Amino acid sequence: MAVWILSGIKTRLNAAVQITIIGMMNTIEFFLAPDLLLWGKLNSIFALILIIVIYYNEFILNKKKSQSV
């Protein structure tokens, strides 16, 4: 995933895959292993913040960059 991010190839697909993986991973952890998470079930809040940052960076900021060019 890191190589894909650094290459800049199909960045929107990359962001969508990252969001999906983070969402699925945290849903599974929420139900199956909340005792192993650093903040327990509150870990999902931090995952949601990360998902929002990824979405904002790719779909909002990049849209503004492409419109100004």
N, C-alpha and C. Protein backbone atom coordinates (compact mmCIF):
# COMPACT_ATOMS: atom_id res chain seq x y z
N MET A 1 0.83 -1.19 0.00
CA MET A 1 0.00 0.00 0.00
C MET A 1 0.88 1.25 0.00
N ALA A 2 1.99 1.22 0.73
CA ALA A 2 2.87 2.39 0.78
C ALA A 2 3.44 2.74 -0.60
N VAL A 3 3.83 1.73 -1.36
CA VAL A 3 4.35 1.96 -2.70
C VAL A 3 3.26 2.55 -3.59
N TRP A 4 2.06 2.05 -3.43
CA TRP A 4 0.92 2.55 -4.21
C TRP A 4 0.66 4.02 -3.87
N ILE A 5 0.74 4.38 -2.60
CA ILE A 5 0.53 5.76 -2.18
C ILE A 5 1.62 6.66 -2.76
N LEU A 6 2.86 6.23 -2.64
CA LEU A 6 3.99 7.05 -3.11
C LEU A 6 4.03 7.16 -4.63
N SER A 7 3.53 6.15 -5.34
CA SER A 7 3.56 6.20 -6.80
C SER A 7 2.56 7.20 -7.36
N GLY A 8 1.48 7.45 -6.65
CA GLY A 8 0.48 8.40 -7.12
C GLY A 8 -0.41 7.86 -8.23
N ILE A 9 -0.40 6.56 -8.42
CA ILE A 9 -1.22 5.93 -9.46
C ILE A 9 -2.61 5.65 -8.90
N LYS A 10 -3.62 6.09 -9.61
CA LYS A 10 -5.02 5.86 -9.24
C LYS A 10 -5.26 6.18 -7.76
N THR A 11 -5.05 7.45 -7.42
CA THR A 11 -5.12 7.86 -6.02
C THR A 11 -6.52 7.73 -5.43
N ARG A 12 -7.55 7.94 -6.24
CA ARG A 12 -8.91 7.81 -5.71
C ARG A 12 -9.24 6.37 -5.37
N LEU A 13 -8.81 5.44 -6.22
CA LEU A 13 -9.02 4.03 -5.93
C LEU A 13 -8.24 3.64 -4.67
N ASN A 14 -7.02 4.15 -4.56
CA ASN A 14 -6.19 3.89 -3.39
C ASN A 14 -6.89 4.38 -2.12
N ALA A 15 -7.43 5.58 -2.14
CA ALA A 15 -8.12 6.12 -0.98
C ALA A 15 -9.35 5.29 -0.64
N ALA A 16 -10.09 4.88 -1.64
CA ALA A 16 -11.28 4.05 -1.40
C ALA A 16 -10.91 2.71 -0.78
N VAL A 17 -9.82 2.11 -1.24
CA VAL A 17 -9.36 0.84 -0.68
C VAL A 17 -8.90 1.04 0.76
N GLN A 18 -8.18 2.12 1.03
CA GLN A 18 -7.74 2.40 2.40
C GLN A 18 -8.93 2.57 3.34
N ILE A 19 -9.92 3.34 2.90
CA ILE A 19 -11.11 3.57 3.72
C ILE A 19 -11.84 2.26 3.99
N THR A 20 -11.97 1.43 2.95
CA THR A 20 -12.65 0.15 3.11
C THR A 20 -11.90 -0.76 4.08
N ILE A 21 -10.60 -0.86 3.92
CA ILE A 21 -9.80 -1.73 4.79
C ILE A 21 -9.86 -1.26 6.25
N ILE A 22 -9.71 0.05 6.47
CA ILE A 22 -9.76 0.57 7.84
C ILE A 22 -11.13 0.33 8.45
N GLY A 23 -12.18 0.57 7.69
CA GLY A 23 -13.53 0.35 8.19
C GLY A 23 -13.79 -1.10 8.53
N MET A 24 -13.41 -2.01 7.63
CA MET A 24 -13.61 -3.45 7.88
C MET A 24 -12.79 -3.92 9.06
N MET A 25 -11.53 -3.52 9.10
CA MET A 25 -10.64 -3.94 10.18
C MET A 25 -11.17 -3.50 11.54
N ASN A 26 -11.61 -2.27 11.64
CA ASN A 26 -12.09 -1.76 12.91
C ASN A 26 -13.45 -2.33 13.28
N THR A 27 -14.28 -2.66 12.33
CA THR A 27 -15.54 -3.32 12.63
C THR A 27 -15.29 -4.71 13.21
N ILE A 28 -14.39 -5.44 12.60
CA ILE A 28 -14.04 -6.78 13.10
C ILE A 28 -13.44 -6.68 14.50
N GLU A 29 -12.51 -5.74 14.69
CA GLU A 29 -11.86 -5.58 16.00
C GLU A 29 -12.87 -5.15 17.06
N PHE A 30 -13.82 -4.31 16.68
CA PHE A 30 -14.82 -3.81 17.63
C PHE A 30 -15.61 -4.96 18.24
N PHE A 31 -15.96 -5.93 17.41
CA PHE A 31 -16.79 -7.03 17.89
C PHE A 31 -15.99 -8.22 18.42
N LEU A 32 -14.84 -8.50 17.85
CA LEU A 32 -14.11 -9.72 18.21
C LEU A 32 -12.97 -9.51 19.21
N ALA A 33 -12.39 -8.33 19.23
CA ALA A 33 -11.21 -8.15 20.10
C ALA A 33 -11.13 -6.76 20.72
N PRO A 34 -12.21 -6.23 21.29
CA PRO A 34 -12.12 -4.88 21.85
C PRO A 34 -11.14 -4.79 23.03
N ASP A 35 -10.94 -5.89 23.73
CA ASP A 35 -10.02 -5.89 24.87
C ASP A 35 -8.56 -5.77 24.45
N LEU A 36 -8.25 -6.06 23.20
CA LEU A 36 -6.87 -5.97 22.71
C LEU A 36 -6.53 -4.59 22.14
N LEU A 37 -7.54 -3.76 21.92
CA LEU A 37 -7.32 -2.44 21.36
C LEU A 37 -6.82 -1.48 22.43
N LEU A 38 -6.00 -0.52 22.03
CA LEU A 38 -5.40 0.42 22.97
C LEU A 38 -6.46 1.20 23.74
N TRP A 39 -7.48 1.66 23.04
CA TRP A 39 -8.54 2.43 23.68
C TRP A 39 -9.86 1.66 23.73
N GLY A 40 -9.81 0.37 23.59
CA GLY A 40 -11.02 -0.45 23.62
C GLY A 40 -11.96 -0.08 22.48
N LYS A 41 -13.23 0.02 22.79
CA LYS A 41 -14.21 0.33 21.75
C LYS A 41 -14.12 1.77 21.27
N LEU A 42 -13.46 2.63 22.04
CA LEU A 42 -13.26 4.01 21.59
C LEU A 42 -12.28 4.10 20.42
N ASN A 43 -11.57 3.04 20.15
CA ASN A 43 -10.64 3.00 19.02
C ASN A 43 -11.37 3.30 17.71
N SER A 44 -12.65 2.95 17.64
CA SER A 44 -13.42 3.19 16.42
C SER A 44 -13.55 4.68 16.12
N ILE A 45 -13.51 5.52 17.15
CA ILE A 45 -13.58 6.97 16.94
C ILE A 45 -12.31 7.44 16.22
N PHE A 46 -11.17 6.94 16.63
CA PHE A 46 -9.92 7.32 15.99
C PHE A 46 -9.85 6.79 14.56
N ALA A 47 -10.41 5.60 14.34
CA ALA A 47 -10.46 5.05 12.98
C ALA A 47 -11.35 5.92 12.11
N LEU A 48 -12.47 6.38 12.65
CA LEU A 48 -13.37 7.25 11.89
C LEU A 48 -12.68 8.56 11.55
N ILE A 49 -11.91 9.11 12.48
CA ILE A 49 -11.17 10.34 12.20
C ILE A 49 -10.16 10.11 11.07
N LEU A 50 -9.47 8.98 11.10
CA LEU A 50 -8.52 8.66 10.03
C LEU A 50 -9.23 8.52 8.69
N ILE A 51 -10.39 7.88 8.68
CA ILE A 51 -11.17 7.73 7.45
C ILE A 51 -11.57 9.10 6.90
N ILE A 52 -12.00 9.99 7.80
CA ILE A 52 -12.39 11.34 7.37
C ILE A 52 -11.19 12.10 6.80
N VAL A 53 -10.03 11.96 7.42
CA VAL A 53 -8.81 12.63 6.92
C VAL A 53 -8.45 12.12 5.53
N ILE A 54 -8.49 10.81 5.34
CA ILE A 54 -8.18 10.23 4.03
C ILE A 54 -9.18 10.73 2.99
N TYR A 55 -10.46 10.71 3.33
CA TYR A 55 -11.50 11.17 2.40
C TYR A 55 -11.30 12.64 2.05
N TYR A 56 -11.10 13.47 3.05
CA TYR A 56 -10.93 14.90 2.83
C TYR A 56 -9.70 15.18 1.98
N ASN A 57 -8.60 14.50 2.28
CA ASN A 57 -7.36 14.71 1.54
C ASN A 57 -7.51 14.34 0.07
N GLU A 58 -8.15 13.24 -0.21
CA GLU A 58 -8.22 12.77 -1.60
C GLU A 58 -9.38 13.37 -2.38
N PHE A 59 -10.56 13.42 -1.79
CA PHE A 59 -11.74 13.79 -2.56
C PHE A 59 -12.10 15.27 -2.44
N ILE A 60 -11.62 15.97 -1.45
CA ILE A 60 -11.92 17.39 -1.32
C ILE A 60 -10.71 18.23 -1.74
N LEU A 61 -9.55 17.99 -1.12
CA LEU A 61 -8.37 18.80 -1.44
C LEU A 61 -7.89 18.56 -2.87
N ASN A 62 -7.85 17.33 -3.32
CA ASN A 62 -7.39 17.06 -4.68
C ASN A 62 -8.33 17.61 -5.72
N LYS A 63 -9.61 17.70 -5.42
CA LYS A 63 -10.57 18.29 -6.35
C LYS A 63 -10.26 19.78 -6.52
N LYS A 64 -9.95 20.46 -5.43
CA LYS A 64 -9.62 21.88 -5.49
C LYS A 64 -8.31 22.10 -6.26
N LYS A 65 -7.34 21.20 -6.07
CA LYS A 65 -6.06 21.32 -6.79
C LYS A 65 -6.26 21.17 -8.28
N SER A 66 -7.06 20.19 -8.69
CA SER A 66 -7.26 19.93 -10.12
C SER A 66 -8.08 21.04 -10.78
N GLN A 67 -8.97 21.70 -10.04
CA GLN A 67 -9.76 22.80 -10.60
C GLN A 67 -8.93 24.05 -10.78
N SER A 68 -7.94 24.26 -9.92
CA SER A 68 -7.13 25.47 -10.02
C SER A 68 -6.05 25.37 -11.09
N VAL A 69 -5.75 24.17 -11.56
CA VAL A 69 -4.70 23.99 -12.58
C VAL A 69 -5.23 24.23 -13.95
